[in-house]
């Protein structure tokens, strides 16, 4: 997968896995990573799927409706890629914390839904429920931050409520931050995520 890896400074063993939104690139969330943890290593990935020339992490049938088969396949691909990158760049696979926005948050959520111990934690900006009606692996005590818009036209508030419930029932410790800026990623959300991150890592 097309990606950027930047080795962290100091003694930080943490790795931020950056996952952009639809139409984004591996450059998009680098400033966000800097705000959340300037010392962590960064593995920023570009989605392998193209929708009308816009990179995404998995296909969708239409706005808000995922192609589940492709989602499962692409989640497996990403999980394998993280393990391969850990070997190549010599970082600890168990220290990866995802930071995803929109489509990137959805594939990060899908990692949690499908693979036990795939992430040490996750920052999900404007995510949806990746899949419903499946058994989620145990997420005992796993910290998850969700940034959401009460008036988000793409990802309804109910999606956030449902996602929090599903993750919490699997044992995750979920923190929410609600904004009133639609689907936009706000500075407030990022600052809240940075504070949450300091408390948890």
N, C-alpha and C. Protein backbone atom coordinates (compact mmCIF):
# COMPACT_ATOMS: atom_id res chain seq x y z
N UNK A 1 0.85 -1.20 0.00
CA UNK A 1 0.00 0.00 0.00
C UNK A 1 0.89 1.24 0.00
N UNK A 2 0.46 2.24 -0.74
CA UNK A 2 1.22 3.50 -0.79
C UNK A 2 1.16 4.16 0.59
N UNK A 3 2.31 4.57 1.11
CA UNK A 3 2.33 5.07 2.49
C UNK A 3 3.56 5.93 2.75
N UNK A 4 3.54 6.56 3.91
CA UNK A 4 4.68 7.30 4.44
C UNK A 4 4.99 6.71 5.81
N UNK A 5 6.27 6.50 6.10
CA UNK A 5 6.64 6.15 7.48
C UNK A 5 7.64 7.19 7.98
N UNK A 6 7.36 7.74 9.14
CA UNK A 6 8.28 8.69 9.79
C UNK A 6 8.61 8.17 11.17
N UNK A 7 9.89 7.96 11.40
CA UNK A 7 10.33 7.47 12.71
C UNK A 7 10.14 8.54 13.76
N UNK A 8 9.65 8.14 14.92
CA UNK A 8 9.40 9.09 16.00
C UNK A 8 10.69 9.58 16.65
N UNK A 9 10.53 10.61 17.44
CA UNK A 9 11.70 11.16 18.13
C UNK A 9 11.71 10.65 19.56
N UNK A 10 12.82 10.84 20.20
CA UNK A 10 12.93 10.46 21.61
C UNK A 10 12.77 8.95 21.79
N UNK A 11 12.19 8.58 22.92
CA UNK A 11 12.05 7.15 23.24
C UNK A 11 10.64 6.62 22.96
N UNK A 12 9.83 7.41 22.27
CA UNK A 12 8.44 6.98 22.05
C UNK A 12 8.39 5.72 21.19
N UNK A 13 7.66 4.73 21.68
CA UNK A 13 7.49 3.49 20.91
C UNK A 13 6.14 3.47 20.20
N UNK A 14 5.34 4.51 20.40
CA UNK A 14 4.00 4.54 19.83
C UNK A 14 4.05 4.86 18.33
N UNK A 15 3.11 4.26 17.60
CA UNK A 15 3.01 4.48 16.16
C UNK A 15 1.59 4.91 15.84
N UNK A 16 1.44 6.09 15.22
CA UNK A 16 0.12 6.56 14.81
C UNK A 16 -0.14 6.10 13.38
N UNK A 17 -1.20 5.32 13.21
CA UNK A 17 -1.62 4.84 11.89
C UNK A 17 -2.63 5.85 11.36
N UNK A 18 -2.25 6.61 10.33
CA UNK A 18 -3.11 7.68 9.82
C UNK A 18 -3.90 7.19 8.61
N UNK A 19 -5.22 7.40 8.66
CA UNK A 19 -6.12 6.89 7.63
C UNK A 19 -7.05 8.03 7.18
N UNK A 20 -6.85 8.51 5.97
CA UNK A 20 -7.52 9.70 5.45
C UNK A 20 -8.99 9.45 5.09
N UNK A 21 -9.71 10.53 4.80
CA UNK A 21 -11.08 10.43 4.33
C UNK A 21 -11.13 10.28 2.82
N UNK A 22 -12.32 10.10 2.27
CA UNK A 22 -12.50 9.94 0.82
C UNK A 22 -11.87 11.10 0.06
N UNK A 23 -11.06 10.75 -0.94
CA UNK A 23 -10.42 11.78 -1.76
C UNK A 23 -9.15 12.34 -1.16
N UNK A 24 -8.77 11.82 0.02
CA UNK A 24 -7.55 12.31 0.68
C UNK A 24 -6.32 11.54 0.24
N UNK A 25 -5.19 11.87 0.84
CA UNK A 25 -3.95 11.15 0.58
C UNK A 25 -3.23 10.90 1.90
N UNK A 26 -2.09 10.24 1.79
CA UNK A 26 -1.30 9.95 2.99
C UNK A 26 -0.70 11.20 3.62
N UNK A 27 -0.82 12.35 2.95
CA UNK A 27 -0.30 13.61 3.53
C UNK A 27 -1.32 14.29 4.46
N UNK A 28 -2.60 13.98 4.26
CA UNK A 28 -3.69 14.77 4.86
C UNK A 28 -3.62 14.92 6.38
N UNK A 29 -3.38 13.79 7.08
CA UNK A 29 -3.51 13.81 8.54
C UNK A 29 -2.18 14.03 9.27
N UNK A 30 -1.12 14.30 8.51
CA UNK A 30 0.19 14.53 9.17
C UNK A 30 0.13 15.68 10.17
N UNK A 31 -0.53 16.81 9.85
CA UNK A 31 -0.63 17.89 10.84
C UNK A 31 -1.43 17.47 12.09
N UNK A 32 -2.41 16.59 11.90
CA UNK A 32 -3.22 16.11 13.02
C UNK A 32 -2.35 15.25 13.95
N UNK A 33 -1.53 14.39 13.34
CA UNK A 33 -0.62 13.54 14.12
C UNK A 33 0.32 14.41 14.95
N UNK A 34 0.78 15.49 14.36
CA UNK A 34 1.69 16.42 15.04
C UNK A 34 1.01 17.03 16.26
N UNK A 35 -0.29 17.31 16.15
CA UNK A 35 -1.04 17.89 17.27
C UNK A 35 -1.31 16.85 18.37
N UNK A 36 -1.50 15.59 17.96
CA UNK A 36 -1.85 14.56 18.93
C UNK A 36 -0.62 14.03 19.67
N UNK A 37 0.44 13.72 18.93
CA UNK A 37 1.67 13.22 19.56
C UNK A 37 2.86 13.49 18.64
N UNK A 38 3.54 14.63 18.83
CA UNK A 38 4.66 14.99 17.94
C UNK A 38 5.86 14.05 18.04
N UNK A 39 5.90 13.21 19.09
CA UNK A 39 7.06 12.32 19.26
C UNK A 39 6.83 10.92 18.69
N UNK A 40 5.59 10.57 18.42
CA UNK A 40 5.28 9.21 17.95
C UNK A 40 5.76 9.00 16.52
N UNK A 41 6.03 7.75 16.18
CA UNK A 41 6.26 7.40 14.78
C UNK A 41 4.92 7.49 14.05
N UNK A 42 4.99 7.66 12.73
CA UNK A 42 3.78 7.81 11.92
C UNK A 42 3.83 6.83 10.75
N UNK A 43 2.75 6.08 10.59
CA UNK A 43 2.55 5.24 9.41
C UNK A 43 1.26 5.74 8.76
N UNK A 44 1.42 6.50 7.67
CA UNK A 44 0.26 7.11 7.02
C UNK A 44 0.02 6.41 5.69
N UNK A 45 -1.20 5.91 5.51
CA UNK A 45 -1.50 5.01 4.40
C UNK A 45 -2.50 5.64 3.45
N UNK A 46 -2.31 5.39 2.14
CA UNK A 46 -3.30 5.82 1.16
C UNK A 46 -4.21 4.65 0.80
N UNK A 47 -5.51 4.91 0.74
CA UNK A 47 -6.47 3.86 0.38
C UNK A 47 -6.20 3.30 -1.01
N UNK A 48 -6.44 2.02 -1.17
CA UNK A 48 -6.16 1.30 -2.42
C UNK A 48 -7.30 1.34 -3.42
N UNK A 49 -8.45 1.86 -3.01
CA UNK A 49 -9.63 1.87 -3.88
C UNK A 49 -9.80 3.27 -4.47
N UNK A 50 -10.17 3.33 -5.75
CA UNK A 50 -10.43 4.63 -6.37
C UNK A 50 -11.91 4.74 -6.72
N UNK A 51 -12.53 5.80 -6.22
CA UNK A 51 -13.92 6.09 -6.56
C UNK A 51 -13.94 7.40 -7.35
N UNK A 52 -14.14 7.28 -8.65
CA UNK A 52 -14.08 8.47 -9.53
C UNK A 52 -12.78 9.25 -9.32
N UNK A 53 -11.68 8.50 -9.19
CA UNK A 53 -10.37 9.13 -9.03
C UNK A 53 -10.04 9.54 -7.60
N UNK A 54 -10.96 9.30 -6.67
CA UNK A 54 -10.72 9.69 -5.27
C UNK A 54 -10.32 8.46 -4.46
N UNK A 55 -9.14 8.50 -3.82
CA UNK A 55 -8.72 7.35 -3.00
C UNK A 55 -9.67 7.10 -1.83
N UNK A 56 -9.96 5.80 -1.61
CA UNK A 56 -10.75 5.35 -0.47
C UNK A 56 -10.14 4.04 0.03
N UNK A 57 -10.58 3.61 1.22
CA UNK A 57 -10.05 2.37 1.78
C UNK A 57 -10.88 1.15 1.41
N UNK A 58 -12.13 1.36 1.01
CA UNK A 58 -12.97 0.24 0.54
C UNK A 58 -14.10 0.82 -0.29
N UNK A 59 -14.74 -0.04 -1.07
CA UNK A 59 -15.82 0.39 -1.96
C UNK A 59 -17.11 0.63 -1.18
N UNK A 60 -17.96 1.44 -1.75
CA UNK A 60 -19.32 1.58 -1.21
C UNK A 60 -20.31 1.44 -2.36
N UNK A 61 -21.50 1.04 -2.04
CA UNK A 61 -22.54 0.86 -3.05
C UNK A 61 -23.16 2.21 -3.39
N UNK A 62 -23.30 3.05 -2.36
CA UNK A 62 -23.73 4.44 -2.52
C UNK A 62 -23.40 5.15 -1.21
N UNK A 63 -23.67 6.43 -1.16
CA UNK A 63 -23.38 7.22 0.06
C UNK A 63 -23.97 6.53 1.28
N UNK A 64 -23.12 6.20 2.24
CA UNK A 64 -23.58 5.62 3.50
C UNK A 64 -23.87 4.13 3.46
N UNK A 65 -23.68 3.49 2.29
CA UNK A 65 -23.92 2.04 2.19
C UNK A 65 -22.64 1.35 1.73
N UNK A 66 -22.05 0.57 2.64
CA UNK A 66 -20.75 -0.05 2.35
C UNK A 66 -20.91 -1.32 1.53
N UNK A 67 -19.89 -1.58 0.72
CA UNK A 67 -19.76 -2.88 0.06
C UNK A 67 -19.08 -3.80 1.08
N UNK A 68 -19.89 -4.59 1.79
CA UNK A 68 -19.37 -5.36 2.94
C UNK A 68 -18.28 -6.35 2.53
N UNK A 69 -18.47 -6.99 1.39
CA UNK A 69 -17.48 -7.97 0.94
C UNK A 69 -16.12 -7.30 0.73
N UNK A 70 -16.15 -6.14 0.09
CA UNK A 70 -14.91 -5.40 -0.15
C UNK A 70 -14.33 -4.88 1.16
N UNK A 71 -15.20 -4.42 2.06
CA UNK A 71 -14.75 -3.93 3.37
C UNK A 71 -13.98 -5.03 4.11
N UNK A 72 -14.52 -6.24 4.11
CA UNK A 72 -13.86 -7.36 4.80
C UNK A 72 -12.49 -7.64 4.18
N UNK A 73 -12.46 -7.66 2.85
CA UNK A 73 -11.21 -7.95 2.13
C UNK A 73 -10.16 -6.86 2.37
N UNK A 74 -10.60 -5.60 2.30
CA UNK A 74 -9.65 -4.47 2.47
C UNK A 74 -9.18 -4.35 3.91
N UNK A 75 -10.03 -4.71 4.85
CA UNK A 75 -9.63 -4.68 6.27
C UNK A 75 -8.54 -5.72 6.51
N UNK A 76 -8.73 -6.88 5.93
CA UNK A 76 -7.71 -7.94 6.03
C UNK A 76 -6.39 -7.47 5.41
N UNK A 77 -6.49 -6.84 4.25
CA UNK A 77 -5.31 -6.32 3.54
C UNK A 77 -4.57 -5.29 4.41
N UNK A 78 -5.32 -4.38 5.03
CA UNK A 78 -4.70 -3.36 5.87
C UNK A 78 -4.05 -3.98 7.11
N UNK A 79 -4.74 -4.93 7.73
CA UNK A 79 -4.19 -5.59 8.92
C UNK A 79 -2.87 -6.29 8.59
N UNK A 80 -2.83 -6.96 7.45
CA UNK A 80 -1.60 -7.63 6.99
C UNK A 80 -0.51 -6.60 6.71
N UNK A 81 -0.90 -5.50 6.06
CA UNK A 81 0.08 -4.45 5.73
C UNK A 81 0.73 -3.88 6.99
N UNK A 82 -0.07 -3.65 8.05
CA UNK A 82 0.49 -3.10 9.29
C UNK A 82 1.56 -4.05 9.85
N UNK A 83 1.27 -5.35 9.82
CA UNK A 83 2.24 -6.34 10.32
C UNK A 83 3.51 -6.33 9.47
N UNK A 84 3.35 -6.22 8.16
CA UNK A 84 4.52 -6.18 7.26
C UNK A 84 5.33 -4.90 7.49
N UNK A 85 4.63 -3.79 7.69
CA UNK A 85 5.32 -2.52 7.94
C UNK A 85 6.08 -2.57 9.27
N UNK A 86 5.49 -3.24 10.27
CA UNK A 86 6.15 -3.38 11.58
C UNK A 86 7.48 -4.11 11.42
N UNK A 87 7.50 -5.13 10.58
CA UNK A 87 8.76 -5.86 10.32
C UNK A 87 9.74 -4.99 9.56
N UNK A 88 9.24 -4.33 8.53
CA UNK A 88 10.13 -3.51 7.67
C UNK A 88 10.73 -2.34 8.43
N UNK A 89 9.92 -1.65 9.23
CA UNK A 89 10.39 -0.42 9.89
C UNK A 89 10.77 -0.65 11.35
N UNK A 90 10.71 -1.91 11.78
CA UNK A 90 11.18 -2.29 13.12
C UNK A 90 10.43 -1.56 14.24
N UNK A 91 9.11 -1.56 14.14
CA UNK A 91 8.33 -1.04 15.28
C UNK A 91 7.48 -2.17 15.86
N UNK A 92 7.03 -1.94 17.10
CA UNK A 92 6.26 -2.95 17.82
C UNK A 92 4.81 -2.93 17.32
N UNK A 93 4.39 -4.05 16.75
CA UNK A 93 3.03 -4.16 16.18
C UNK A 93 1.94 -3.88 17.22
N UNK A 94 2.26 -4.11 18.49
CA UNK A 94 1.24 -3.94 19.54
C UNK A 94 1.12 -2.50 20.02
N UNK A 95 1.89 -1.59 19.39
CA UNK A 95 1.86 -0.18 19.82
C UNK A 95 1.22 0.74 18.80
N UNK A 96 0.38 0.19 17.93
CA UNK A 96 -0.21 0.98 16.85
C UNK A 96 -1.56 1.56 17.29
N UNK A 97 -1.69 2.88 17.16
CA UNK A 97 -2.92 3.59 17.51
C UNK A 97 -3.44 4.27 16.24
N UNK A 98 -4.63 3.92 15.83
CA UNK A 98 -5.18 4.47 14.59
C UNK A 98 -5.73 5.87 14.81
N UNK A 99 -5.55 6.72 13.81
CA UNK A 99 -6.19 8.03 13.75
C UNK A 99 -6.83 8.12 12.37
N UNK A 100 -8.16 8.02 12.33
CA UNK A 100 -8.84 8.00 11.04
C UNK A 100 -9.94 9.03 10.97
N UNK A 101 -10.15 9.54 9.75
CA UNK A 101 -11.24 10.50 9.51
C UNK A 101 -12.18 9.93 8.46
N UNK A 102 -13.48 9.92 8.75
CA UNK A 102 -14.52 9.54 7.79
C UNK A 102 -14.25 8.13 7.24
N UNK A 103 -13.97 7.99 5.96
CA UNK A 103 -13.70 6.65 5.40
C UNK A 103 -12.54 5.96 6.12
N UNK A 104 -11.53 6.73 6.50
CA UNK A 104 -10.39 6.17 7.24
C UNK A 104 -10.79 5.71 8.64
N UNK A 105 -11.71 6.46 9.27
CA UNK A 105 -12.21 6.06 10.59
C UNK A 105 -13.02 4.77 10.47
N UNK A 106 -13.71 4.62 9.34
CA UNK A 106 -14.53 3.41 9.14
C UNK A 106 -13.66 2.17 9.01
N UNK A 107 -12.55 2.28 8.30
CA UNK A 107 -11.69 1.09 8.16
C UNK A 107 -10.96 0.82 9.48
N UNK A 108 -10.65 1.88 10.24
CA UNK A 108 -10.04 1.67 11.57
C UNK A 108 -11.04 0.94 12.48
N UNK A 109 -12.30 1.38 12.43
CA UNK A 109 -13.35 0.70 13.19
C UNK A 109 -13.49 -0.75 12.76
N UNK A 110 -13.35 -0.98 11.46
CA UNK A 110 -13.45 -2.33 10.92
C UNK A 110 -12.32 -3.23 11.43
N UNK A 111 -11.13 -2.67 11.61
CA UNK A 111 -10.02 -3.43 12.21
C UNK A 111 -10.43 -3.91 13.60
N UNK A 112 -11.03 -3.01 14.39
CA UNK A 112 -11.46 -3.38 15.75
C UNK A 112 -12.56 -4.43 15.71
N UNK A 113 -13.43 -4.34 14.71
CA UNK A 113 -14.56 -5.27 14.60
C UNK A 113 -14.13 -6.67 14.15
N UNK A 114 -12.98 -6.75 13.47
CA UNK A 114 -12.60 -8.03 12.84
C UNK A 114 -11.34 -8.69 13.41
N UNK A 115 -10.43 -7.90 13.99
CA UNK A 115 -9.13 -8.47 14.39
C UNK A 115 -8.77 -8.10 15.82
N UNK A 116 -8.70 -9.11 16.66
CA UNK A 116 -8.32 -8.89 18.05
C UNK A 116 -6.87 -8.39 18.11
N UNK A 117 -6.61 -7.44 18.97
CA UNK A 117 -5.25 -6.89 19.16
C UNK A 117 -4.67 -6.25 17.90
N UNK A 118 -5.54 -5.82 16.98
CA UNK A 118 -5.02 -5.16 15.77
C UNK A 118 -4.56 -3.74 16.08
N UNK A 119 -5.17 -3.12 17.10
CA UNK A 119 -4.82 -1.75 17.48
C UNK A 119 -4.72 -1.65 18.99
N UNK A 120 -3.87 -0.72 19.45
CA UNK A 120 -3.76 -0.46 20.89
C UNK A 120 -4.81 0.58 21.33
N UNK A 121 -5.29 1.32 20.36
CA UNK A 121 -6.31 2.34 20.63
C UNK A 121 -6.71 2.96 19.30
N UNK A 122 -7.73 3.81 19.32
CA UNK A 122 -8.19 4.41 18.06
C UNK A 122 -8.82 5.77 18.30
N UNK A 123 -8.49 6.70 17.40
CA UNK A 123 -9.15 8.00 17.33
C UNK A 123 -9.98 7.97 16.05
N UNK A 124 -11.30 8.00 16.21
CA UNK A 124 -12.20 7.89 15.06
C UNK A 124 -12.96 9.21 14.89
N UNK A 125 -12.60 9.95 13.85
CA UNK A 125 -13.30 11.20 13.56
C UNK A 125 -14.41 10.94 12.54
N UNK A 126 -15.65 11.16 12.95
CA UNK A 126 -16.83 11.02 12.08
C UNK A 126 -16.94 9.62 11.44
N UNK A 127 -16.95 8.59 12.29
CA UNK A 127 -17.07 7.22 11.78
C UNK A 127 -18.53 6.77 11.70
N UNK A 128 -18.73 5.67 10.97
CA UNK A 128 -20.02 4.97 10.96
C UNK A 128 -19.78 3.57 11.52
N UNK A 129 -20.86 2.84 11.76
CA UNK A 129 -20.73 1.44 12.18
C UNK A 129 -20.26 0.65 10.96
N UNK A 130 -19.10 -0.02 11.03
CA UNK A 130 -18.60 -0.72 9.84
C UNK A 130 -19.48 -1.88 9.40
N UNK A 131 -19.90 -2.71 10.38
CA UNK A 131 -20.79 -3.84 10.08
C UNK A 131 -21.71 -4.06 11.28
N UNK A 132 -22.88 -4.59 11.01
CA UNK A 132 -23.82 -4.89 12.08
C UNK A 132 -24.09 -6.39 12.12
N UNK A 133 -24.48 -6.87 13.29
CA UNK A 133 -24.87 -8.27 13.40
C UNK A 133 -23.73 -9.26 13.40
N UNK A 134 -22.52 -8.80 13.78
CA UNK A 134 -21.38 -9.73 13.86
C UNK A 134 -20.84 -9.75 15.30
N UNK A 135 -20.13 -10.79 15.63
CA UNK A 135 -19.48 -10.87 16.94
C UNK A 135 -18.18 -10.09 16.87
N UNK A 136 -18.04 -9.10 17.74
CA UNK A 136 -16.82 -8.29 17.78
C UNK A 136 -15.84 -8.94 18.75
N UNK A 137 -14.54 -8.99 18.39
CA UNK A 137 -13.55 -9.56 19.32
C UNK A 137 -13.52 -8.77 20.63
N UNK A 138 -12.99 -9.39 21.68
CA UNK A 138 -12.87 -8.71 22.96
C UNK A 138 -11.98 -7.49 22.86
N UNK A 139 -12.48 -6.35 23.34
CA UNK A 139 -11.71 -5.10 23.29
C UNK A 139 -11.47 -4.59 24.72
N UNK A 140 -11.25 -5.52 25.63
CA UNK A 140 -11.21 -5.18 27.06
C UNK A 140 -10.30 -4.00 27.38
N UNK A 141 -10.93 -2.89 27.80
CA UNK A 141 -10.18 -1.71 28.23
C UNK A 141 -9.54 -0.92 27.11
N UNK A 142 -9.78 -1.30 25.85
CA UNK A 142 -9.14 -0.60 24.72
C UNK A 142 -9.71 0.82 24.60
N UNK A 143 -8.84 1.85 24.62
CA UNK A 143 -9.34 3.22 24.56
C UNK A 143 -9.71 3.63 23.13
N UNK A 144 -10.92 4.18 23.00
CA UNK A 144 -11.38 4.68 21.70
C UNK A 144 -11.96 6.08 21.88
N UNK A 145 -11.54 6.99 21.02
CA UNK A 145 -12.08 8.36 21.00
C UNK A 145 -12.92 8.52 19.74
N UNK A 146 -14.15 9.01 19.89
CA UNK A 146 -14.99 9.28 18.72
C UNK A 146 -15.31 10.77 18.67
N UNK A 147 -14.96 11.40 17.57
CA UNK A 147 -15.35 12.79 17.30
C UNK A 147 -16.51 12.77 16.33
N UNK A 148 -17.59 13.47 16.66
CA UNK A 148 -18.79 13.39 15.83
C UNK A 148 -19.48 14.74 15.71
N UNK A 149 -20.30 14.87 14.67
CA UNK A 149 -21.10 16.08 14.47
C UNK A 149 -22.56 15.79 14.74
N UNK A 150 -23.16 16.56 15.64
CA UNK A 150 -24.59 16.35 15.92
C UNK A 150 -25.43 16.58 14.67
N UNK A 151 -24.92 17.44 13.77
CA UNK A 151 -25.65 17.76 12.54
C UNK A 151 -24.88 17.28 11.31
N UNK A 152 -24.19 16.16 11.44
CA UNK A 152 -23.38 15.61 10.34
C UNK A 152 -24.32 15.01 9.29
N UNK A 153 -24.30 15.54 8.05
CA UNK A 153 -25.23 15.05 7.03
C UNK A 153 -24.80 13.70 6.44
N UNK A 154 -23.53 13.35 6.59
CA UNK A 154 -23.01 12.10 6.00
C UNK A 154 -23.05 10.96 7.00
N UNK A 155 -22.74 11.28 8.24
CA UNK A 155 -22.68 10.25 9.29
C UNK A 155 -23.62 10.69 10.42
N UNK A 156 -24.80 10.12 10.48
CA UNK A 156 -25.81 10.58 11.43
C UNK A 156 -25.35 10.38 12.87
N UNK A 157 -25.90 11.20 13.76
CA UNK A 157 -25.57 11.09 15.19
C UNK A 157 -25.89 9.69 15.70
N UNK A 158 -26.95 9.07 15.15
CA UNK A 158 -27.33 7.73 15.58
C UNK A 158 -26.22 6.71 15.31
N UNK A 159 -25.49 6.90 14.20
CA UNK A 159 -24.36 6.01 13.88
C UNK A 159 -23.33 6.04 15.01
N UNK A 160 -23.06 7.23 15.52
CA UNK A 160 -22.10 7.38 16.62
C UNK A 160 -22.61 6.70 17.88
N UNK A 161 -23.88 6.92 18.18
CA UNK A 161 -24.51 6.30 19.36
C UNK A 161 -24.42 4.77 19.25
N UNK A 162 -24.76 4.25 18.07
CA UNK A 162 -24.72 2.79 17.85
C UNK A 162 -23.30 2.25 17.94
N UNK A 163 -22.36 2.98 17.33
CA UNK A 163 -20.96 2.52 17.34
C UNK A 163 -20.42 2.49 18.76
N UNK A 164 -20.70 3.54 19.52
CA UNK A 164 -20.24 3.57 20.92
C UNK A 164 -20.80 2.38 21.69
N UNK A 165 -22.07 2.09 21.48
CA UNK A 165 -22.73 0.98 22.19
C UNK A 165 -22.05 -0.36 21.84
N UNK A 166 -21.83 -0.58 20.55
CA UNK A 166 -21.23 -1.85 20.10
C UNK A 166 -19.81 -2.01 20.64
N UNK A 167 -19.02 -0.94 20.57
CA UNK A 167 -17.63 -1.00 21.06
C UNK A 167 -17.61 -1.19 22.58
N UNK A 168 -18.48 -0.47 23.28
CA UNK A 168 -18.53 -0.57 24.75
C UNK A 168 -18.94 -1.97 25.18
N UNK A 169 -19.90 -2.55 24.47
CA UNK A 169 -20.34 -3.92 24.80
C UNK A 169 -19.23 -4.94 24.59
N UNK A 170 -18.28 -4.62 23.69
CA UNK A 170 -17.13 -5.51 23.46
C UNK A 170 -16.01 -5.23 24.46
N UNK A 171 -16.21 -4.21 25.34
CA UNK A 171 -15.24 -3.96 26.40
C UNK A 171 -14.39 -2.72 26.22
N UNK A 172 -14.55 -2.00 25.10
CA UNK A 172 -13.74 -0.80 24.86
C UNK A 172 -14.17 0.33 25.80
N UNK A 173 -13.22 1.22 26.10
CA UNK A 173 -13.51 2.43 26.89
C UNK A 173 -13.67 3.58 25.90
N UNK A 174 -14.91 3.98 25.66
CA UNK A 174 -15.20 4.93 24.58
C UNK A 174 -15.47 6.34 25.12
N UNK A 175 -14.80 7.32 24.53
CA UNK A 175 -15.02 8.73 24.85
C UNK A 175 -15.55 9.42 23.61
N UNK A 176 -16.59 10.26 23.77
CA UNK A 176 -17.13 10.98 22.61
C UNK A 176 -16.87 12.48 22.74
N UNK A 177 -16.78 13.13 21.59
CA UNK A 177 -16.72 14.59 21.53
C UNK A 177 -17.70 15.03 20.44
N UNK A 178 -18.70 15.79 20.83
CA UNK A 178 -19.72 16.22 19.86
C UNK A 178 -19.49 17.66 19.43
N UNK A 179 -19.63 17.90 18.14
CA UNK A 179 -19.49 19.25 17.57
C UNK A 179 -20.74 19.59 16.77
N UNK A 180 -20.78 20.84 16.29
CA UNK A 180 -21.93 21.31 15.51
C UNK A 180 -21.47 21.81 14.13
N UNK A 181 -20.48 21.14 13.57
CA UNK A 181 -19.89 21.62 12.30
C UNK A 181 -20.07 20.61 11.18
N UNK A 182 -21.18 19.87 11.21
CA UNK A 182 -21.44 18.91 10.14
C UNK A 182 -20.39 17.81 10.11
N UNK A 183 -19.92 17.51 8.90
CA UNK A 183 -18.94 16.42 8.73
C UNK A 183 -17.50 16.93 8.82
N UNK A 184 -17.36 18.22 9.09
CA UNK A 184 -16.02 18.80 9.13
C UNK A 184 -15.24 18.34 10.36
N UNK A 185 -13.96 18.12 10.16
CA UNK A 185 -13.08 17.82 11.29
C UNK A 185 -12.64 19.15 11.90
N UNK A 186 -13.00 19.39 13.15
CA UNK A 186 -12.74 20.70 13.76
C UNK A 186 -11.48 20.67 14.63
N UNK A 187 -10.95 21.86 14.84
CA UNK A 187 -9.78 22.00 15.72
C UNK A 187 -10.12 21.56 17.14
N UNK A 188 -11.34 21.87 17.57
CA UNK A 188 -11.83 21.46 18.89
C UNK A 188 -11.74 19.95 19.07
N UNK A 189 -12.20 19.23 18.05
CA UNK A 189 -12.17 17.75 18.10
C UNK A 189 -10.74 17.25 18.24
N UNK A 190 -9.85 17.83 17.45
CA UNK A 190 -8.45 17.37 17.48
C UNK A 190 -7.83 17.67 18.83
N UNK A 191 -8.12 18.85 19.38
CA UNK A 191 -7.59 19.20 20.71
C UNK A 191 -8.14 18.26 21.78
N UNK A 192 -9.43 17.93 21.67
CA UNK A 192 -10.04 16.99 22.62
C UNK A 192 -9.39 15.62 22.49
N UNK A 193 -9.13 15.21 21.24
CA UNK A 193 -8.47 13.92 20.99
C UNK A 193 -7.06 13.91 21.57
N UNK A 194 -6.36 15.04 21.43
CA UNK A 194 -4.99 15.14 21.96
C UNK A 194 -5.00 15.02 23.48
N UNK A 195 -5.96 15.66 24.14
CA UNK A 195 -6.08 15.57 25.60
C UNK A 195 -6.40 14.15 26.04
N UNK A 196 -7.34 13.52 25.32
CA UNK A 196 -7.71 12.12 25.59
C UNK A 196 -6.50 11.20 25.43
N UNK A 197 -5.73 11.44 24.37
CA UNK A 197 -4.55 10.63 24.08
C UNK A 197 -3.53 10.71 25.21
N UNK A 198 -3.28 11.94 25.68
CA UNK A 198 -2.32 12.12 26.80
C UNK A 198 -2.78 11.36 28.04
N UNK A 199 -4.09 11.36 28.28
CA UNK A 199 -4.63 10.66 29.45
C UNK A 199 -4.50 9.15 29.34
N UNK A 200 -4.55 8.63 28.12
CA UNK A 200 -4.60 7.18 27.91
C UNK A 200 -3.28 6.54 27.51
N UNK A 201 -2.38 7.34 26.97
CA UNK A 201 -1.10 6.75 26.49
C UNK A 201 0.11 7.47 27.07
